[in-house]
N, C-alpha and C. Protein backbone atom coordinates (compact mmCIF):
# COMPACT_ATOMS: atom_id res chain seq x y z
N MET A 1 104.79 66.93 102.63
CA MET A 1 104.08 68.20 102.47
C MET A 1 105.12 69.31 102.31
N SER A 2 104.93 70.13 101.30
CA SER A 2 105.87 71.23 101.06
C SER A 2 105.62 72.36 102.06
N ARG A 3 106.57 73.26 102.12
CA ARG A 3 106.46 74.40 103.02
C ARG A 3 105.23 75.24 102.68
N VAL A 4 104.99 75.44 101.39
CA VAL A 4 103.83 76.22 100.98
C VAL A 4 102.55 75.51 101.40
N GLU A 5 102.49 74.22 101.22
CA GLU A 5 101.30 73.47 101.63
C GLU A 5 101.08 73.56 103.14
N GLU A 6 102.16 73.56 103.91
CA GLU A 6 102.05 73.72 105.36
C GLU A 6 101.48 75.09 105.71
N ILE A 7 101.97 76.12 105.01
CA ILE A 7 101.47 77.48 105.26
C ILE A 7 100.00 77.57 104.88
N GLU A 8 99.65 77.01 103.72
CA GLU A 8 98.25 77.02 103.29
C GLU A 8 97.36 76.33 104.32
N ALA A 9 97.79 75.19 104.82
CA ALA A 9 97.00 74.46 105.82
C ALA A 9 96.87 75.27 107.09
N ALA A 10 97.94 75.93 107.50
CA ALA A 10 97.89 76.75 108.71
C ALA A 10 96.92 77.91 108.52
N ILE A 11 96.95 78.54 107.34
CA ILE A 11 96.04 79.65 107.07
C ILE A 11 94.60 79.17 107.06
N ASP A 12 94.36 78.02 106.44
CA ASP A 12 93.00 77.47 106.41
C ASP A 12 92.46 77.21 107.81
N GLY A 13 93.35 76.97 108.77
CA GLY A 13 92.91 76.67 110.13
C GLY A 13 92.77 77.88 111.02
N LEU A 14 93.02 79.07 110.52
CA LEU A 14 92.94 80.26 111.34
C LEU A 14 91.50 80.68 111.62
N PRO A 15 91.28 81.22 112.81
CA PRO A 15 89.96 81.80 113.07
C PRO A 15 89.79 83.07 112.23
N PRO A 16 88.56 83.51 112.00
CA PRO A 16 88.32 84.65 111.10
C PRO A 16 89.14 85.90 111.39
N GLY A 17 89.29 86.28 112.63
CA GLY A 17 90.04 87.49 112.96
C GLY A 17 91.50 87.39 112.58
N GLU A 18 92.10 86.25 112.86
CA GLU A 18 93.50 86.05 112.50
C GLU A 18 93.67 85.93 110.99
N TYR A 19 92.69 85.33 110.33
CA TYR A 19 92.74 85.24 108.87
C TYR A 19 92.72 86.64 108.25
N ARG A 20 91.81 87.51 108.73
CA ARG A 20 91.75 88.89 108.22
C ARG A 20 93.08 89.61 108.44
N ARG A 21 93.69 89.36 109.59
CA ARG A 21 94.98 89.98 109.89
C ARG A 21 96.04 89.55 108.87
N ILE A 22 96.07 88.28 108.53
CA ILE A 22 97.02 87.78 107.52
C ILE A 22 96.71 88.39 106.16
N VAL A 23 95.44 88.47 105.79
CA VAL A 23 95.05 89.05 104.51
C VAL A 23 95.50 90.51 104.44
N GLU A 24 95.27 91.28 105.49
CA GLU A 24 95.68 92.68 105.52
C GLU A 24 97.20 92.81 105.42
N TRP A 25 97.92 91.94 106.12
CA TRP A 25 99.38 91.96 106.06
C TRP A 25 99.85 91.67 104.63
N PHE A 26 99.26 90.65 104.01
CA PHE A 26 99.66 90.27 102.67
C PHE A 26 99.36 91.37 101.66
N ARG A 27 98.19 91.97 101.76
CA ARG A 27 97.83 93.07 100.85
C ARG A 27 98.80 94.23 101.00
N GLY A 28 99.13 94.59 102.23
CA GLY A 28 100.09 95.67 102.47
C GLY A 28 101.46 95.34 101.91
N ARG A 29 101.87 94.10 102.08
CA ARG A 29 103.16 93.66 101.55
C ARG A 29 103.19 93.74 100.04
N GLU A 30 102.13 93.29 99.40
CA GLU A 30 102.05 93.35 97.94
C GLU A 30 102.03 94.79 97.44
N GLN A 31 101.33 95.66 98.17
CA GLN A 31 101.27 97.07 97.78
C GLN A 31 102.66 97.70 97.87
N ARG A 32 103.41 97.38 98.93
CA ARG A 32 104.78 97.91 99.06
C ARG A 32 105.67 97.39 97.93
N ARG A 33 105.54 96.12 97.60
CA ARG A 33 106.34 95.56 96.50
C ARG A 33 106.00 96.23 95.18
N TRP A 34 104.72 96.48 94.94
CA TRP A 34 104.27 97.16 93.73
C TRP A 34 104.88 98.56 93.68
N ASP A 35 104.77 99.28 94.79
CA ASP A 35 105.31 100.65 94.84
C ASP A 35 106.82 100.65 94.59
N GLU A 36 107.52 99.71 95.18
CA GLU A 36 108.98 99.63 94.98
C GLU A 36 109.30 99.35 93.52
N GLN A 37 108.55 98.47 92.89
CA GLN A 37 108.78 98.16 91.48
C GLN A 37 108.49 99.35 90.59
N MET A 38 107.41 100.06 90.87
CA MET A 38 107.08 101.26 90.10
C MET A 38 108.17 102.32 90.26
N ASP A 39 108.65 102.51 91.49
CA ASP A 39 109.73 103.47 91.74
C ASP A 39 110.98 103.08 90.96
N ALA A 40 111.32 101.81 90.97
CA ALA A 40 112.50 101.33 90.25
C ALA A 40 112.31 101.52 88.74
N ASP A 41 111.14 101.20 88.23
CA ASP A 41 110.88 101.35 86.80
C ASP A 41 110.93 102.82 86.38
N CYS A 42 110.41 103.69 87.23
CA CYS A 42 110.48 105.13 86.93
C CYS A 42 111.92 105.62 86.94
N ALA A 43 112.70 105.17 87.91
CA ALA A 43 114.08 105.62 88.05
C ALA A 43 114.95 105.18 86.87
N THR A 44 114.63 104.04 86.29
CA THR A 44 115.44 103.53 85.18
C THR A 44 114.91 103.97 83.82
N GLY A 45 113.78 104.66 83.80
CA GLY A 45 113.22 105.13 82.54
C GLY A 45 112.36 104.09 81.84
N THR A 46 112.10 102.99 82.49
CA THR A 46 111.31 101.92 81.88
C THR A 46 109.91 102.39 81.49
N LEU A 47 109.38 103.36 82.22
CA LEU A 47 108.01 103.83 81.96
C LEU A 47 107.96 105.10 81.13
N ASP A 48 109.11 105.56 80.65
CA ASP A 48 109.14 106.79 79.86
C ASP A 48 108.25 106.72 78.63
N PHE A 49 108.09 105.54 78.08
CA PHE A 49 107.26 105.40 76.88
C PHE A 49 105.83 105.86 77.16
N LEU A 50 105.37 105.74 78.41
CA LEU A 50 104.02 106.19 78.74
C LEU A 50 103.91 107.71 78.65
N PHE A 51 104.94 108.41 79.12
CA PHE A 51 104.95 109.87 79.01
C PHE A 51 105.01 110.30 77.55
N ASP A 52 105.85 109.61 76.78
CA ASP A 52 105.97 109.92 75.36
C ASP A 52 104.64 109.71 74.64
N GLU A 53 103.97 108.63 74.96
CA GLU A 53 102.67 108.34 74.35
C GLU A 53 101.64 109.40 74.74
N ALA A 54 101.63 109.79 76.01
CA ALA A 54 100.67 110.80 76.46
C ALA A 54 100.93 112.14 75.77
N LYS A 55 102.20 112.52 75.62
CA LYS A 55 102.52 113.77 74.93
C LYS A 55 102.05 113.72 73.48
N SER A 56 102.27 112.60 72.83
CA SER A 56 101.86 112.43 71.44
C SER A 56 100.35 112.50 71.30
N GLU A 57 99.64 111.81 72.17
CA GLU A 57 98.18 111.80 72.11
C GLU A 57 97.64 113.20 72.43
N SER A 58 98.28 113.89 73.37
CA SER A 58 97.84 115.24 73.71
C SER A 58 98.03 116.18 72.53
N ALA A 59 99.17 116.07 71.86
CA ALA A 59 99.44 116.92 70.70
C ALA A 59 98.41 116.69 69.59
N LYS A 60 97.87 115.50 69.51
CA LYS A 60 96.86 115.17 68.50
C LYS A 60 95.45 115.54 68.96
N GLY A 61 95.34 116.03 70.20
CA GLY A 61 94.03 116.38 70.74
C GLY A 61 93.18 115.19 71.11
N LEU A 62 93.81 114.07 71.40
CA LEU A 62 93.06 112.84 71.67
C LEU A 62 92.85 112.55 73.16
N LEU A 63 93.36 113.41 74.02
CA LEU A 63 93.20 113.19 75.46
C LEU A 63 92.02 114.00 75.98
N ARG A 64 91.43 113.51 77.05
CA ARG A 64 90.35 114.24 77.70
C ARG A 64 90.58 114.18 79.21
N GLU A 65 89.91 115.06 79.94
CA GLU A 65 90.03 115.10 81.40
C GLU A 65 89.52 113.79 81.98
N TRP A 66 90.22 113.34 83.02
CA TRP A 66 89.76 112.17 83.74
C TRP A 66 89.98 112.39 85.21
N PRO A 67 89.00 112.21 86.02
CA PRO A 67 87.64 111.89 85.61
C PRO A 67 87.00 113.08 84.90
N SER A 68 86.06 112.78 84.07
CA SER A 68 85.45 113.84 83.26
C SER A 68 84.70 114.81 84.16
N ARG A 69 84.71 116.04 83.76
CA ARG A 69 83.99 117.08 84.50
C ARG A 69 82.60 117.23 83.87
N GLN A 70 81.59 116.89 84.63
CA GLN A 70 80.23 116.97 84.09
C GLN A 70 79.36 117.82 84.95
């Protein structure tokens, strides 16, 4: 049995409260990793194309407020 399979089996055996705790921990961990990656991509200019695209679309009058004001 691989290490991952052992972890999966252990998680499957958790009572509901402990399972929720693991799920919350994992979600928080993934959110931090996402934020770190976004920060790194912004710092290196990887996402600059999005700003350029938004400026271009705005100049063409193709953008609208979001969420829309109704």
